[in-house]
Amino acid sequence: MINIDELKKKIIYRSNYRGTKEMENLLSAFTKKYINNLNENDLLDLEKLLNIDDTNLYNFYNSIKTDFEFESNNINFLYKNFDYKQK
């Protein structure tokens, strides 16, 4: 059985510590907005998303060709359509 609280902590940590500051800001804002409204499957999909390298995540978010095949799921849809406003 999955410990949801531990999974959320892992996801939050992973979203805050990336390779680039830009992706840390984007992914932490995305995670903060959605994490408490996600079911177990979505949390697992979010964990998978966060294991993808920053370049492919950046390209996917900005509709640039990626080297990675992104699954069709709720998390990837939310991420792709996330309205990120930099401060």
C-alpha atoms as a PDB file:
ATOM      1  CA  MET A   1       0.000   0.000   0.000  1.00  0.00           C
ATOM      2  CA  ILE A   2       1.231   3.478  -0.870  1.00  0.00           C
ATOM      3  CA  ASN A   3       1.857   6.049   1.846  1.00  0.00           C
ATOM      4  CA  ILE A   4       0.264   9.135   0.253  1.00  0.00           C
ATOM      5  CA  ASP A   5       1.921  11.606   2.642  1.00  0.00           C
ATOM      6  CA  GLU A   6       5.385  10.198   1.915  1.00  0.00           C
ATOM      7  CA  LEU A   7       4.694  10.264  -1.818  1.00  0.00           C
ATOM      8  CA  LYS A   8       3.589  13.912  -1.607  1.00  0.00           C
ATOM      9  CA  LYS A   9       6.756  14.836   0.313  1.00  0.00           C
ATOM     10  CA  LYS A  10       8.889  13.113  -2.310  1.00  0.00           C
ATOM     11  CA  ILE A  11       7.027  14.895  -5.122  1.00  0.00           C
ATOM     12  CA  ILE A  12       7.363  18.300  -3.455  1.00  0.00           C
ATOM     13  CA  TYR A  13      11.074  17.750  -2.881  1.00  0.00           C
ATOM     14  CA  ARG A  14      11.629  16.592  -6.476  1.00  0.00           C
ATOM     15  CA  SER A  15       9.724  19.566  -7.893  1.00  0.00           C
ATOM     16  CA  ASN A  16      11.837  22.019  -5.874  1.00  0.00           C
ATOM     17  CA  TYR A  17      15.261  20.556  -6.658  1.00  0.00           C
ATOM     18  CA  ARG A  18      15.810  20.366 -10.407  1.00  0.00           C
ATOM     19  CA  GLY A  19      18.702  21.109 -12.732  1.00  0.00           C
ATOM     20  CA  THR A  20      17.684  24.669 -13.497  1.00  0.00           C
ATOM     21  CA  LYS A  21      16.081  27.446 -11.471  1.00  0.00           C
ATOM     22  CA  GLU A  22      13.507  28.030 -14.210  1.00  0.00           C
ATOM     23  CA  MET A  23      12.273  24.428 -14.018  1.00  0.00           C
ATOM     24  CA  GLU A  24      12.331  24.490 -10.212  1.00  0.00           C
ATOM     25  CA  ASN A  25      10.052  27.539 -10.285  1.00  0.00           C
ATOM     26  CA  LEU A  26       7.699  26.079 -12.909  1.00  0.00           C
ATOM     27  CA  LEU A  27       7.439  22.602 -11.391  1.00  0.00           C
ATOM     28  CA  SER A  28       7.146  23.771  -7.800  1.00  0.00           C
ATOM     29  CA  ALA A  29       4.342  26.188  -8.767  1.00  0.00           C
ATOM     30  CA  PHE A  30       2.582  23.418 -10.698  1.00  0.00           C
ATOM     31  CA  THR A  31       2.950  20.938  -7.840  1.00  0.00           C
ATOM     32  CA  LYS A  32       1.824  23.455  -5.229  1.00  0.00           C
ATOM     33  CA  LYS A  33      -1.338  24.229  -7.205  1.00  0.00           C
ATOM     34  CA  TYR A  34      -2.464  20.641  -7.735  1.00  0.00           C
ATOM     35  CA  ILE A  35      -0.908  18.269  -5.196  1.00  0.00           C
ATOM     36  CA  ASN A  36      -3.678  18.382  -2.599  1.00  0.00           C
ATOM     37  CA  ASN A  37      -6.398  17.731  -5.183  1.00  0.00           C
ATOM     38  CA  LEU A  38      -4.854  14.674  -6.840  1.00  0.00           C
ATOM     39  CA  ASN A  39      -5.878  11.070  -6.371  1.00  0.00           C
ATOM     40  CA  GLU A  40      -3.367   8.256  -5.906  1.00  0.00           C
ATOM     41  CA  ASN A  41      -3.035   7.492  -9.637  1.00  0.00           C
ATOM     42  CA  ASP A  42      -2.479  11.153 -10.458  1.00  0.00           C
ATOM     43  CA  LEU A  43       0.170  11.396  -7.751  1.00  0.00           C
ATOM     44  CA  LEU A  44       1.972   8.401  -9.236  1.00  0.00           C
ATOM     45  CA  ASP A  45       1.758  10.004 -12.695  1.00  0.00           C
ATOM     46  CA  LEU A  46       3.120  13.252 -11.260  1.00  0.00           C
ATOM     47  CA  GLU A  47       6.010  11.337  -9.736  1.00  0.00           C
ATOM     48  CA  LYS A  48       6.723   9.819 -13.178  1.00  0.00           C
ATOM     49  CA  LEU A  49       6.556  13.268 -14.781  1.00  0.00           C
ATOM     50  CA  LEU A  50       9.096  14.620 -12.296  1.00  0.00           C
ATOM     51  CA  ASN A  51      11.520  11.822 -13.187  1.00  0.00           C
ATOM     52  CA  ILE A  52      11.765  13.154 -16.754  1.00  0.00           C
ATOM     53  CA  ASP A  53      14.753  15.383 -17.479  1.00  0.00           C
ATOM     54  CA  ASP A  54      14.353  19.173 -17.466  1.00  0.00           C
ATOM     55  CA  THR A  55      15.027  19.615 -21.180  1.00  0.00           C
ATOM     56  CA  ASN A  56      12.206  17.311 -22.241  1.00  0.00           C
ATOM     57  CA  LEU A  57       9.856  18.774 -19.610  1.00  0.00           C
ATOM     58  CA  TYR A  58      10.643  22.295 -20.786  1.00  0.00           C
ATOM     59  CA  ASN A  59      10.172  21.362 -24.441  1.00  0.00           C
ATOM     60  CA  PHE A  60       6.904  19.522 -23.769  1.00  0.00           C
ATOM     61  CA  TYR A  61       5.542  22.467 -21.785  1.00  0.00           C
ATOM     62  CA  ASN A  62       6.496  24.890 -24.578  1.00  0.00           C
ATOM     63  CA  SER A  63       5.262  22.672 -27.450  1.00  0.00           C
ATOM     64  CA  ILE A  64       8.768  22.013 -28.732  1.00  0.00           C
ATOM     65  CA  LYS A  65       9.684  18.573 -30.103  1.00  0.00           C
ATOM     66  CA  THR A  66      10.884  16.230 -27.359  1.00  0.00           C
ATOM     67  CA  ASP A  67      13.079  13.129 -27.262  1.00  0.00           C
ATOM     68  CA  PHE A  68      10.554  11.581 -24.894  1.00  0.00           C
ATOM     69  CA  GLU A  69       7.133  10.075 -25.535  1.00  0.00           C
ATOM     70  CA  PHE A  70       4.733  11.657 -23.047  1.00  0.00           C
ATOM     71  CA  GLU A  71       1.794   9.526 -21.953  1.00  0.00           C
ATOM     72  CA  SER A  72      -1.724  10.785 -22.395  1.00  0.00           C
ATOM     73  CA  ASN A  73      -2.911  11.252 -18.819  1.00  0.00           C
ATOM     74  CA  ASN A  74      -4.481  13.857 -16.556  1.00  0.00           C
ATOM     75  CA  ILE A  75      -1.174  15.067 -15.075  1.00  0.00           C
ATOM     76  CA  ASN A  76       0.502  15.612 -18.426  1.00  0.00           C
ATOM     77  CA  PHE A  77      -2.599  17.446 -19.649  1.00  0.00           C
ATOM     78  CA  LEU A  78      -2.623  19.687 -16.549  1.00  0.00           C
ATOM     79  CA  TYR A  79       1.112  20.342 -16.865  1.00  0.00           C
ATOM     80  CA  LYS A  80       0.935  21.128 -20.570  1.00  0.00           C
ATOM     81  CA  ASN A  81      -1.919  23.584 -19.955  1.00  0.00           C
ATOM     82  CA  PHE A  82      -0.587  25.047 -16.705  1.00  0.00           C
ATOM     83  CA  ASP A  83      -0.687  28.840 -16.773  1.00  0.00           C
ATOM     84  CA  TYR A  84       2.631  29.743 -15.162  1.00  0.00           C
ATOM     85  CA  LYS A  85       3.178  33.361 -14.307  1.00  0.00           C
ATOM     86  CA  GLN A  86       6.740  34.187 -13.290  1.00  0.00           C
ATOM     87  CA  LYS A  87       7.066  36.707 -10.505  1.00  0.00           C
END
